């Protein structure tokens, strides 16, 4: 029912971009929780896990900013209003989380440095 009446790229982007942002955040959290078993070995040098933490935080930041910009620019799309409002709330929540993560230096934190 979510993609039943999607006809153009604007409607698809307003729906998918906030979801992709949340998926990048969940991927970051999954990698962090995986590394809690042995953090010294996995995070103290540039490994696949430590580099993926850096890349996933950058991806989260880029998708959040892109999502916020597109939600503002595509406010007059042909989507039902509740879909736009949902995307707006998710994008603003991601923006607040991004601000928090930037303040504490989590975005782009190199654990091996």
PDB file of N, CA and C in Angstrom:
ATOM      1  N   UNK A   1       0.812  -1.199   0.000  1.00  0.00           N
ATOM      2  CA  UNK A   1       0.000   0.000   0.000  1.00  0.00           C
ATOM      3  C   UNK A   1       0.854   1.261   0.000  1.00  0.00           C
ATOM      4  N   UNK A   2       2.105   1.130   0.410  1.00  0.00           N
ATOM      5  CA  UNK A   2       2.963   2.308   0.475  1.00  0.00           C
ATOM      6  C   UNK A   2       3.411   2.759  -0.912  1.00  0.00           C
ATOM      7  N   UNK A   3       3.637   1.825  -1.825  1.00  0.00           N
ATOM      8  CA  UNK A   3       4.138   2.188  -3.148  1.00  0.00           C
ATOM      9  C   UNK A   3       3.091   1.992  -4.244  1.00  0.00           C
ATOM     10  N   UNK A   4       1.862   1.811  -3.859  1.00  0.00           N
ATOM     11  CA  UNK A   4       0.822   1.507  -4.825  1.00  0.00           C
ATOM     12  C   UNK A   4       0.604   2.627  -5.823  1.00  0.00           C
ATOM     13  N   UNK A   5       0.599   3.878  -5.372  1.00  0.00           N
ATOM     14  CA  UNK A   5       0.281   4.991  -6.256  1.00  0.00           C
ATOM     15  C   UNK A   5       1.471   5.913  -6.490  1.00  0.00           C
ATOM     16  N   UNK A   6       2.677   5.404  -6.462  1.00  0.00           N
ATOM     17  CA  UNK A   6       3.858   6.214  -6.695  1.00  0.00           C
ATOM     18  C   UNK A   6       4.110   6.310  -8.194  1.00  0.00           C
ATOM     19  N   UNK A   7       4.107   7.538  -8.684  1.00  0.00           N
ATOM     20  CA  UNK A   7       4.251   7.741 -10.118  1.00  0.00           C
ATOM     21  C   UNK A   7       5.509   8.497 -10.512  1.00  0.00           C
ATOM     22  N   UNK A   8       6.026   9.344  -9.662  1.00  0.00           N
ATOM     23  CA  UNK A   8       7.208  10.104 -10.061  1.00  0.00           C
ATOM     24  C   UNK A   8       8.280  10.020  -8.974  1.00  0.00           C
ATOM     25  N   UNK A   9       9.444  10.535  -9.280  1.00  0.00           N
ATOM     26  CA  UNK A   9      10.578  10.427  -8.384  1.00  0.00           C
ATOM     27  C   UNK A   9      10.394  11.235  -7.111  1.00  0.00           C
ATOM     28  N   UNK A  10       9.638  12.329  -7.162  1.00  0.00           N
ATOM     29  CA  UNK A  10       9.449  13.150  -5.968  1.00  0.00           C
ATOM     30  C   UNK A  10       8.721  12.383  -4.877  1.00  0.00           C
ATOM     31  N   UNK A  11       7.685  11.672  -5.270  1.00  0.00           N
ATOM     32  CA  UNK A  11       6.936  10.907  -4.289  1.00  0.00           C
ATOM     33  C   UNK A  11       7.777   9.776  -3.708  1.00  0.00           C
ATOM     34  N   UNK A  12       8.582   9.157  -4.536  1.00  0.00           N
ATOM     35  CA  UNK A  12       9.411   8.054  -4.072  1.00  0.00           C
ATOM     36  C   UNK A  12      10.524   8.534  -3.145  1.00  0.00           C
ATOM     37  N   UNK A  13      11.143   9.656  -3.482  1.00  0.00           N
ATOM     38  CA  UNK A  13      12.256  10.173  -2.672  1.00  0.00           C
ATOM     39  C   UNK A  13      11.773  10.625  -1.303  1.00  0.00           C
ATOM     40  N   UNK A  14      10.619  11.266  -1.246  1.00  0.00           N
ATOM     41  CA  UNK A  14      10.092  11.736   0.041  1.00  0.00           C
ATOM     42  C   UNK A  14       9.818  10.550   0.963  1.00  0.00           C
ATOM     43  N   UNK A  15       9.481   9.414   0.403  1.00  0.00           N
ATOM     44  CA  UNK A  15       9.191   8.243   1.224  1.00  0.00           C
ATOM     45  C   UNK A  15      10.439   7.443   1.568  1.00  0.00           C
ATOM     46  N   UNK A  16      11.357   7.298   0.631  1.00  0.00           N
ATOM     47  CA  UNK A  16      12.486   6.390   0.830  1.00  0.00           C
ATOM     48  C   UNK A  16      13.682   7.008   1.543  1.00  0.00           C
ATOM     49  N   UNK A  17      13.938   8.280   1.351  1.00  0.00           N
ATOM     50  CA  UNK A  17      15.148   8.864   1.918  1.00  0.00           C
ATOM     51  C   UNK A  17      15.167   8.851   3.453  1.00  0.00           C
ATOM     52  N   UNK A  18      14.080   9.224   4.138  1.00  0.00           N
ATOM     53  CA  UNK A  18      14.119   9.080   5.602  1.00  0.00           C
ATOM     54  C   UNK A  18      14.293   7.629   6.052  1.00  0.00           C
ATOM     55  N   UNK A  19      13.722   6.687   5.315  1.00  0.00           N
ATOM     56  CA  UNK A  19      13.884   5.272   5.667  1.00  0.00           C
ATOM     57  C   UNK A  19      15.328   4.826   5.482  1.00  0.00           C
ATOM     58  N   UNK A  20      15.976   5.277   4.416  1.00  0.00           N
ATOM     59  CA  UNK A  20      17.379   4.933   4.199  1.00  0.00           C
ATOM     60  C   UNK A  20      18.264   5.537   5.285  1.00  0.00           C
ATOM     61  N   UNK A  21      17.904   6.724   5.763  1.00  0.00           N
ATOM     62  CA  UNK A  21      18.665   7.352   6.835  1.00  0.00           C
ATOM     63  C   UNK A  21      18.571   6.533   8.116  1.00  0.00           C
ATOM     64  N   UNK A  22      17.371   6.081   8.441  1.00  0.00           N
ATOM     65  CA  UNK A  22      17.194   5.256   9.641  1.00  0.00           C
ATOM     66  C   UNK A  22      17.931   3.925   9.489  1.00  0.00           C
ATOM     67  N   UNK A  23      17.922   3.353   8.297  1.00  0.00           N
ATOM     68  CA  UNK A  23      18.654   2.103   8.076  1.00  0.00           C
ATOM     69  C   UNK A  23      20.164   2.284   8.248  1.00  0.00           C
ATOM     70  N   UNK A  24      20.684   3.428   7.827  1.00  0.00           N
ATOM     71  CA  UNK A  24      22.117   3.666   8.036  1.00  0.00           C
ATOM     72  C   UNK A  24      22.429   3.810   9.528  1.00  0.00           C
ATOM     73  N   UNK A  25      21.525   4.421  10.279  1.00  0.00           N
ATOM     74  CA  UNK A  25      21.719   4.536  11.728  1.00  0.00           C
ATOM     75  C   UNK A  25      21.649   3.165  12.396  1.00  0.00           C
ATOM     76  N   UNK A  26      20.692   2.346  11.995  1.00  0.00           N
ATOM     77  CA  UNK A  26      20.583   1.006  12.571  1.00  0.00           C
ATOM     78  C   UNK A  26      21.788   0.148  12.209  1.00  0.00           C
ATOM     79  N   UNK A  27      22.333   0.327  11.012  1.00  0.00           N
ATOM     80  CA  UNK A  27      23.549  -0.396  10.620  1.00  0.00           C
ATOM     81  C   UNK A  27      24.724   0.031  11.485  1.00  0.00           C
ATOM     82  N   UNK A  28      24.836   1.322  11.741  1.00  0.00           N
ATOM     83  CA  UNK A  28      25.889   1.830  12.624  1.00  0.00           C
ATOM     84  C   UNK A  28      25.769   1.206  14.012  1.00  0.00           C
ATOM     85  N   UNK A  29      24.549   1.170  14.550  1.00  0.00           N
ATOM     86  CA  UNK A  29      24.352   0.599  15.880  1.00  0.00           C
ATOM     87  C   UNK A  29      24.649  -0.901  15.895  1.00  0.00           C
ATOM     88  N   UNK A  30      24.310  -1.604  14.820  1.00  0.00           N
ATOM     89  CA  UNK A  30      24.599  -3.036  14.750  1.00  0.00           C
ATOM     90  C   UNK A  30      26.107  -3.288  14.753  1.00  0.00           C
ATOM     91  N   UNK A  31      26.851  -2.481  14.028  1.00  0.00           N
ATOM     92  CA  UNK A  31      28.308  -2.640  13.997  1.00  0.00           C
ATOM     93  C   UNK A  31      28.905  -2.324  15.369  1.00  0.00           C
ATOM     94  N   UNK A  32      28.415  -1.271  16.006  1.00  0.00           N
ATOM     95  CA  UNK A  32      28.928  -0.916  17.338  1.00  0.00           C
ATOM     96  C   UNK A  32      28.640  -2.032  18.338  1.00  0.00           C
ATOM     97  N   UNK A  33      27.433  -2.565  18.330  1.00  0.00           N
ATOM     98  CA  UNK A  33      27.105  -3.640  19.273  1.00  0.00           C
ATOM     99  C   UNK A  33      27.882  -4.920  18.962  1.00  0.00           C
ATOM    100  N   UNK A  34      28.182  -5.153  17.709  1.00  0.00           N
ATOM    101  CA  UNK A  34      29.015  -6.306  17.371  1.00  0.00           C
ATOM    102  C   UNK A  34      30.425  -6.139  17.925  1.00  0.00           C
ATOM    103  N   UNK A  35      30.929  -4.932  17.908  1.00  0.00           N
ATOM    104  CA  UNK A  35      32.293  -4.673  18.359  1.00  0.00           C
ATOM    105  C   UNK A  35      32.427  -4.647  19.876  1.00  0.00           C
ATOM    106  N   UNK A  36      31.323  -4.684  20.597  1.00  0.00           N
ATOM    107  CA  UNK A  36      31.411  -4.652  22.060  1.00  0.00           C
ATOM    108  C   UNK A  36      31.944  -5.953  22.649  1.00  0.00           C
ATOM    109  N   UNK A  37      31.969  -7.028  21.860  1.00  0.00           N
ATOM    110  CA  UNK A  37      32.518  -8.285  22.360  1.00  0.00           C
ATOM    111  C   UNK A  37      34.013  -8.165  22.649  1.00  0.00           C
ATOM    112  N   UNK A  38      34.742  -7.551  21.741  1.00  0.00           N
ATOM    113  CA  UNK A  38      36.183  -7.371  21.911  1.00  0.00           C
ATOM    114  C   UNK A  38      36.585  -6.027  21.288  1.00  0.00           C
ATOM    115  N   UNK A  39      36.296  -4.924  21.957  1.00  0.00           N
ATOM    116  CA  UNK A  39      36.517  -3.612  21.330  1.00  0.00           C
ATOM    117  C   UNK A  39      37.978  -3.260  21.109  1.00  0.00           C
ATOM    118  N   UNK A  40      38.861  -3.728  21.951  1.00  0.00           N
ATOM    119  CA  UNK A  40      40.276  -3.380  21.788  1.00  0.00           C
ATOM    120  C   UNK A  40      40.823  -3.962  20.492  1.00  0.00           C
ATOM    121  N   UNK A  41      40.528  -5.199  20.210  1.00  0.00           N
ATOM    122  CA  UNK A  41      41.045  -5.854  19.000  1.00  0.00           C
ATOM    123  C   UNK A  41      40.362  -5.293  17.755  1.00  0.00           C
ATOM    124  N   UNK A  42      39.035  -5.068  17.818  1.00  0.00           N
ATOM    125  CA  UNK A  42      38.289  -4.676  16.630  1.00  0.00           C
ATOM    126  C   UNK A  42      38.363  -3.192  16.304  1.00  0.00           C
ATOM    127  N   UNK A  43      38.564  -2.357  17.316  1.00  0.00           N
ATOM    128  CA  UNK A  43      38.486  -0.909  17.081  1.00  0.00           C
ATOM    129  C   UNK A  43      39.805  -0.166  17.278  1.00  0.00           C
ATOM    130  N   UNK A  44      40.831  -0.805  17.798  1.00  0.00           N
ATOM    131  CA  UNK A  44      42.072  -0.100  18.101  1.00  0.00           C
ATOM    132  C   UNK A  44      42.960   0.115  16.886  1.00  0.00           C
ATOM    133  N   UNK A  45      42.642  -0.533  15.794  1.00  0.00           N
ATOM    134  CA  UNK A  45      43.398  -0.330  14.552  1.00  0.00           C
ATOM    135  C   UNK A  45      42.401  -0.298  13.400  1.00  0.00           C
ATOM    136  N   UNK A  46      42.817   0.199  12.236  1.00  0.00           N
ATOM    137  CA  UNK A  46      41.889   0.284  11.103  1.00  0.00           C
ATOM    138  C   UNK A  46      41.487  -1.105  10.595  1.00  0.00           C
ATOM    139  N   UNK A  47      40.366  -1.576  11.055  1.00  0.00           N
ATOM    140  CA  UNK A  47      39.813  -2.847  10.595  1.00  0.00           C
ATOM    141  C   UNK A  47      38.541  -2.561   9.807  1.00  0.00           C
ATOM    142  N   UNK A  48      37.950  -3.607   9.288  1.00  0.00           N
ATOM    143  CA  UNK A  48      36.687  -3.449   8.559  1.00  0.00           C
ATOM    144  C   UNK A  48      35.626  -2.843   9.480  1.00  0.00           C
ATOM    145  N   UNK A  49      35.639  -3.249  10.726  1.00  0.00           N
ATOM    146  CA  UNK A  49      34.617  -2.777  11.664  1.00  0.00           C
ATOM    147  C   UNK A  49      34.808  -1.306  12.009  1.00  0.00           C
ATOM    148  N   UNK A  50      36.019  -0.900  12.290  1.00  0.00           N
ATOM    149  CA  UNK A  50      36.249   0.494  12.677  1.00  0.00           C
ATOM    150  C   UNK A  50      36.050   1.441  11.489  1.00  0.00           C
ATOM    151  N   UNK A  51      36.460   1.015  10.301  1.00  0.00           N
ATOM    152  CA  UNK A  51      36.253   1.855   9.117  1.00  0.00           C
ATOM    153  C   UNK A  51      34.775   1.925   8.764  1.00  0.00           C
ATOM    154  N   UNK A  52      34.058   0.826   8.960  1.00  0.00           N
ATOM    155  CA  UNK A  52      32.613   0.871   8.678  1.00  0.00           C
ATOM    156  C   UNK A  52      31.879   1.780   9.651  1.00  0.00           C
ATOM    157  N   UNK A  53      32.348   1.890  10.885  1.00  0.00           N
ATOM    158  CA  UNK A  53      31.734   2.840  11.823  1.00  0.00           C
ATOM    159  C   UNK A  53      31.901   4.262  11.307  1.00  0.00           C
ATOM    160  N   UNK A  54      33.086   4.599  10.846  1.00  0.00           N
ATOM    161  CA  UNK A  54      33.342   5.942  10.312  1.00  0.00           C
ATOM    162  C   UNK A  54      32.466   6.203   9.086  1.00  0.00           C
ATOM    163  N   UNK A  55      32.449   5.255   8.161  1.00  0.00           N
ATOM    164  CA  UNK A  55      31.686   5.442   6.922  1.00  0.00           C
ATOM    165  C   UNK A  55      30.178   5.505   7.175  1.00  0.00           C
ATOM    166  N   UNK A  56      29.681   4.687   8.101  1.00  0.00           N
ATOM    167  CA  UNK A  56      28.243   4.709   8.384  1.00  0.00           C
ATOM    168  C   UNK A  56      27.822   6.001   9.074  1.00  0.00           C
ATOM    169  N   UNK A  57      28.681   6.565   9.899  1.00  0.00           N
ATOM    170  CA  UNK A  57      28.313   7.848  10.508  1.00  0.00           C
ATOM    171  C   UNK A  57      28.323   8.970   9.472  1.00  0.00           C
ATOM    172  N   UNK A  58      29.288   8.941   8.553  1.00  0.00           N
ATOM    173  CA  UNK A  58      29.271   9.928   7.466  1.00  0.00           C
ATOM    174  C   UNK A  58      28.051   9.748   6.565  1.00  0.00           C
ATOM    175  N   UNK A  59      27.698   8.507   6.288  1.00  0.00           N
ATOM    176  CA  UNK A  59      26.514   8.231   5.471  1.00  0.00           C
ATOM    177  C   UNK A  59      25.250   8.721   6.169  1.00  0.00           C
ATOM    178  N   UNK A  60      25.156   8.491   7.475  1.00  0.00           N
ATOM    179  CA  UNK A  60      24.008   8.984   8.231  1.00  0.00           C
ATOM    180  C   UNK A  60      23.929  10.504   8.165  1.00  0.00           C
ATOM    181  N   UNK A  61      25.048  11.175   8.317  1.00  0.00           N
ATOM    182  CA  UNK A  61      25.045  12.640   8.273  1.00  0.00           C
ATOM    183  C   UNK A  61      24.628  13.144   6.890  1.00  0.00           C
ATOM    184  N   UNK A  62      25.177  12.562   5.844  1.00  0.00           N
ATOM    185  CA  UNK A  62      24.842  13.012   4.490  1.00  0.00           C
ATOM    186  C   UNK A  62      23.376  12.747   4.158  1.00  0.00           C
ATOM    187  N   UNK A  63      22.888  11.568   4.500  1.00  0.00           N
ATOM    188  CA  UNK A  63      21.487  11.257   4.214  1.00  0.00           C
ATOM    189  C   UNK A  63      20.526  12.117   5.032  1.00  0.00           C
ATOM    190  N   UNK A  64      20.910  12.445   6.253  1.00  0.00           N
ATOM    191  CA  UNK A  64      20.055  13.306   7.077  1.00  0.00           C
ATOM    192  C   UNK A  64      19.950  14.699   6.480  1.00  0.00           C
ATOM    193  N   UNK A  65      21.065  15.259   6.094  1.00  0.00           N
ATOM    194  CA  UNK A  65      21.042  16.609   5.510  1.00  0.00           C
ATOM    195  C   UNK A  65      20.283  16.599   4.186  1.00  0.00           C
ATOM    196  N   UNK A  66      20.534  15.601   3.366  1.00  0.00           N
ATOM    197  CA  UNK A  66      19.836  15.483   2.085  1.00  0.00           C
ATOM    198  C   UNK A  66      18.340  15.286   2.299  1.00  0.00           C
ATOM    199  N   UNK A  67      17.979  14.489   3.278  1.00  0.00           N
ATOM    200  CA  UNK A  67      16.575  14.240   3.581  1.00  0.00           C
ATOM    201  C   UNK A  67      15.872  15.507   4.065  1.00  0.00           C
ATOM    202  N   UNK A  68      16.519  16.255   4.926  1.00  0.00           N
ATOM    203  CA  UNK A  68      15.924  17.513   5.396  1.00  0.00           C
ATOM    204  C   UNK A  68      15.730  18.503   4.251  1.00  0.00           C
ATOM    205  N   UNK A  69      16.720  18.609   3.394  1.00  0.00           N
ATOM    206  CA  UNK A  69      16.605  19.528   2.257  1.00  0.00           C
ATOM    207  C   UNK A  69      15.478  19.116   1.315  1.00  0.00           C
ATOM    208  N   UNK A  70      15.388  17.840   1.016  1.00  0.00           N
ATOM    209  CA  UNK A  70      14.351  17.391   0.085  1.00  0.00           C
ATOM    210  C   UNK A  70      12.954  17.488   0.674  1.00  0.00           C
ATOM    211  N   UNK A  71      12.817  17.246   1.958  1.00  0.00           N
ATOM    212  CA  UNK A  71      11.490  17.383   2.568  1.00  0.00           C
ATOM    213  C   UNK A  71      11.032  18.834   2.494  1.00  0.00           C
ATOM    214  N   UNK A  72      11.944  19.767   2.675  1.00  0.00           N
ATOM    215  CA  UNK A  72      11.573  21.178   2.576  1.00  0.00           C
ATOM    216  C   UNK A  72      11.278  21.562   1.128  1.00  0.00           C
ATOM    217  N   UNK A  73      12.113  21.099   0.206  1.00  0.00           N
ATOM    218  CA  UNK A  73      11.926  21.472  -1.201  1.00  0.00           C
ATOM    219  C   UNK A  73      10.704  20.824  -1.836  1.00  0.00           C
ATOM    220  N   UNK A  74      10.347  19.633  -1.411  1.00  0.00           N
ATOM    221  CA  UNK A  74       9.246  18.905  -2.033  1.00  0.00           C
ATOM    222  C   UNK A  74       7.965  18.976  -1.209  1.00  0.00           C
ATOM    223  N   UNK A  75       7.774  20.066  -0.520  1.00  0.00           N
ATOM    224  CA  UNK A  75       6.577  20.194   0.320  1.00  0.00           C
ATOM    225  C   UNK A  75       5.299  20.206  -0.510  1.00  0.00           C
ATOM    226  N   UNK A  76       5.358  20.710  -1.701  1.00  0.00           N
ATOM    227  CA  UNK A  76       4.165  20.804  -2.544  1.00  0.00           C
ATOM    228  C   UNK A  76       4.027  19.622  -3.495  1.00  0.00           C
ATOM    229  N   UNK A  77       4.516  18.454  -3.099  1.00  0.00           N
ATOM    230  CA  UNK A  77       4.403  17.283  -3.971  1.00  0.00           C
ATOM    231  C   UNK A  77       2.974  16.754  -3.962  1.00  0.00           C
ATOM    232  N   UNK A  78       2.709  15.798  -4.822  1.00  0.00           N
ATOM    233  CA  UNK A  78       1.363  15.263  -4.975  1.00  0.00           C
ATOM    234  C   UNK A  78       1.052  14.173  -3.954  1.00  0.00           C
ATOM    235  N   UNK A  79       1.930  13.937  -3.034  1.00  0.00           N
ATOM    236  CA  UNK A  79       1.697  12.919  -2.006  1.00  0.00           C
ATOM    237  C   UNK A  79       0.567  13.335  -1.081  1.00  0.00           C
ATOM    238  N   UNK A  80      -0.065  12.370  -0.438  1.00  0.00           N
ATOM    239  CA  UNK A  80      -0.990  12.740   0.642  1.00  0.00           C
ATOM    240  C   UNK A  80      -0.236  13.465   1.754  1.00  0.00           C
ATOM    241  N   UNK A  81      -0.885  14.365   2.423  1.00  0.00           N
ATOM    242  CA  UNK A  81      -0.213  15.211   3.418  1.00  0.00           C
ATOM    243  C   UNK A  81       0.377  14.397   4.567  1.00  0.00           C
ATOM    244  N   UNK A  82      -0.285  13.311   4.961  1.00  0.00           N
ATOM    245  CA  UNK A  82       0.217  12.547   6.099  1.00  0.00           C
ATOM    246  C   UNK A  82       1.556  11.894   5.767  1.00  0.00           C
ATOM    247  N   UNK A  83       1.788  11.540   4.517  1.00  0.00           N
ATOM    248  CA  UNK A  83       3.083  10.970   4.128  1.00  0.00           C
ATOM    249  C   UNK A  83       4.166  12.031   4.221  1.00  0.00           C
ATOM    250  N   UNK A  84       3.843  13.239   3.765  1.00  0.00           N
ATOM    251  CA  UNK A  84       4.834  14.311   3.855  1.00  0.00           C
ATOM    252  C   UNK A  84       5.124  14.634   5.322  1.00  0.00           C
ATOM    253  N   UNK A  85       4.074  14.719   6.158  1.00  0.00           N
ATOM    254  CA  UNK A  85       4.288  15.028   7.571  1.00  0.00           C
ATOM    255  C   UNK A  85       5.099  13.933   8.261  1.00  0.00           C
ATOM    256  N   UNK A  86       4.845  12.688   7.937  1.00  0.00           N
ATOM    257  CA  UNK A  86       5.623  11.597   8.523  1.00  0.00           C
ATOM    258  C   UNK A  86       7.091  11.720   8.123  1.00  0.00           C
ATOM    259  N   UNK A  87       7.342  11.967   6.845  1.00  0.00           N
ATOM    260  CA  UNK A  87       8.719  12.137   6.376  1.00  0.00           C
ATOM    261  C   UNK A  87       9.373  13.343   7.036  1.00  0.00           C
ATOM    262  N   UNK A  88       8.600  14.389   7.240  1.00  0.00           N
ATOM    263  CA  UNK A  88       9.118  15.594   7.895  1.00  0.00           C
ATOM    264  C   UNK A  88       9.503  15.303   9.351  1.00  0.00           C
ATOM    265  N   UNK A  89       8.638  14.601  10.081  1.00  0.00           N
ATOM    266  CA  UNK A  89       8.945  14.277  11.477  1.00  0.00           C
ATOM    267  C   UNK A  89      10.162  13.363  11.587  1.00  0.00           C
ATOM    268  N   UNK A  90      10.261  12.377  10.708  1.00  0.00           N
ATOM    269  CA  UNK A  90      11.418  11.471  10.743  1.00  0.00           C
ATOM    270  C   UNK A  90      12.692  12.237  10.396  1.00  0.00           C
ATOM    271  N   UNK A  91      12.622  13.117   9.419  1.00  0.00           N
ATOM    272  CA  UNK A  91      13.807  13.888   9.026  1.00  0.00           C
ATOM    273  C   UNK A  91      14.241  14.843  10.131  1.00  0.00           C
ATOM    274  N   UNK A  92      13.292  15.476  10.797  1.00  0.00           N
ATOM    275  CA  UNK A  92      13.635  16.384  11.902  1.00  0.00           C
ATOM    276  C   UNK A  92      14.224  15.595  13.076  1.00  0.00           C
ATOM    277  N   UNK A  93      13.660  14.425  13.373  1.00  0.00           N
ATOM    278  CA  UNK A  93      14.219  13.592  14.448  1.00  0.00           C
ATOM    279  C   UNK A  93      15.649  13.161  14.107  1.00  0.00           C
ATOM    280  N   UNK A  94      15.874  12.785  12.858  1.00  0.00           N
ATOM    281  CA  UNK A  94      17.231  12.438  12.434  1.00  0.00           C
ATOM    282  C   UNK A  94      18.160  13.648  12.515  1.00  0.00           C
ATOM    283  N   UNK A  95      17.637  14.826  12.194  1.00  0.00           N
ATOM    284  CA  UNK A  95      18.436  16.045  12.305  1.00  0.00           C
ATOM    285  C   UNK A  95      18.830  16.349  13.741  1.00  0.00           C
ATOM    286  N   UNK A  96      17.902  16.135  14.661  1.00  0.00           N
ATOM    287  CA  UNK A  96      18.222  16.342  16.079  1.00  0.00           C
ATOM    288  C   UNK A  96      19.264  15.327  16.557  1.00  0.00           C
ATOM    289  N   UNK A  97      19.124  14.087  16.127  1.00  0.00           N
ATOM    290  CA  UNK A  97      20.105  13.078  16.491  1.00  0.00           C
ATOM    291  C   UNK A  97      21.471  13.386  15.868  1.00  0.00           C
ATOM    292  N   UNK A  98      21.468  13.879  14.638  1.00  0.00           N
ATOM    293  CA  UNK A  98      22.720  14.269  13.998  1.00  0.00           C
ATOM    294  C   UNK A  98      23.385  15.406  14.769  1.00  0.00           C
ATOM    295  N   UNK A  99      22.611  16.376  15.219  1.00  0.00           N
ATOM    296  CA  UNK A  99      23.163  17.472  16.016  1.00  0.00           C
ATOM    297  C   UNK A  99      23.799  16.946  17.299  1.00  0.00           C
ATOM    298  N   UNK A 100      23.122  16.026  17.957  1.00  0.00           N
ATOM    299  CA  UNK A 100      23.656  15.412  19.177  1.00  0.00           C
ATOM    300  C   UNK A 100      24.958  14.667  18.885  1.00  0.00           C
ATOM    301  N   UNK A 101      24.947  13.878  17.811  1.00  0.00           N
ATOM    302  CA  UNK A 101      26.140  13.104  17.477  1.00  0.00           C
ATOM    303  C   UNK A 101      27.299  13.992  17.051  1.00  0.00           C
ATOM    304  N   UNK A 102      27.005  15.096  16.373  1.00  0.00           N
ATOM    305  CA  UNK A 102      28.064  16.053  16.023  1.00  0.00           C
ATOM    306  C   UNK A 102      28.629  16.735  17.261  1.00  0.00           C
ATOM    307  N   UNK A 103      27.766  17.075  18.193  1.00  0.00           N
ATOM    308  CA  UNK A 103      28.219  17.746  19.410  1.00  0.00           C
ATOM    309  C   UNK A 103      29.192  16.863  20.193  1.00  0.00           C
ATOM    310  N   UNK A 104      28.902  15.573  20.284  1.00  0.00           N
ATOM    311  CA  UNK A 104      29.742  14.668  21.054  1.00  0.00           C
ATOM    312  C   UNK A 104      30.851  14.028  20.223  1.00  0.00           C
ATOM    313  N   UNK A 105      30.973  14.401  18.957  1.00  0.00           N
ATOM    314  CA  UNK A 105      32.076  13.929  18.122  1.00  0.00           C
ATOM    315  C   UNK A 105      31.941  12.485  17.648  1.00  0.00           C
ATOM    316  N   UNK A 106      30.731  11.997  17.546  1.00  0.00           N
ATOM    317  CA  UNK A 106      30.543  10.606  17.114  1.00  0.00           C
ATOM    318  C   UNK A 106      30.622  10.502  15.594  1.00  0.00           C
ATOM    319  N   UNK A 107      30.180  11.542  14.886  1.00  0.00           N
ATOM    320  CA  UNK A 107      30.218  11.512  13.430  1.00  0.00           C
ATOM    321  C   UNK A 107      31.680  11.551  12.983  1.00  0.00           C
ATOM    322  N   UNK A 108      32.097  10.525  12.276  1.00  0.00           N
ATOM    323  CA  UNK A 108      33.466  10.469  11.759  1.00  0.00           C
ATOM    324  C   UNK A 108      34.523  10.153  12.804  1.00  0.00           C
ATOM    325  N   UNK A 109      34.111   9.619  13.935  1.00  0.00           N
ATOM    326  CA  UNK A 109      35.087   9.304  14.995  1.00  0.00           C
ATOM    327  C   UNK A 109      35.957   8.124  14.577  1.00  0.00           C
ATOM    328  N   UNK A 110      37.237   8.372  14.501  1.00  0.00           N
ATOM    329  CA  UNK A 110      38.178   7.308  14.173  1.00  0.00           C
ATOM    330  C   UNK A 110      38.652   6.684  15.475  1.00  0.00           C
ATOM    331  N   UNK A 111      38.240   5.473  15.698  1.00  0.00           N
ATOM    332  CA  UNK A 111      38.550   4.820  16.979  1.00  0.00           C
ATOM    333  C   UNK A 111      40.014   4.398  17.077  1.00  0.00           C
ATOM    334  N   UNK A 112      40.697   4.324  15.971  1.00  0.00           N
ATOM    335  CA  UNK A 112      42.090   3.887  15.990  1.00  0.00           C
ATOM    336  C   UNK A 112      43.059   5.067  16.138  1.00  0.00           C
ATOM    337  N   UNK A 113      42.574   6.292  16.082  1.00  0.00           N
ATOM    338  CA  UNK A 113      43.468   7.461  16.145  1.00  0.00           C
ATOM    339  C   UNK A 113      43.796   7.860  17.572  1.00  0.00           C
TER     340      UNK A 113
END
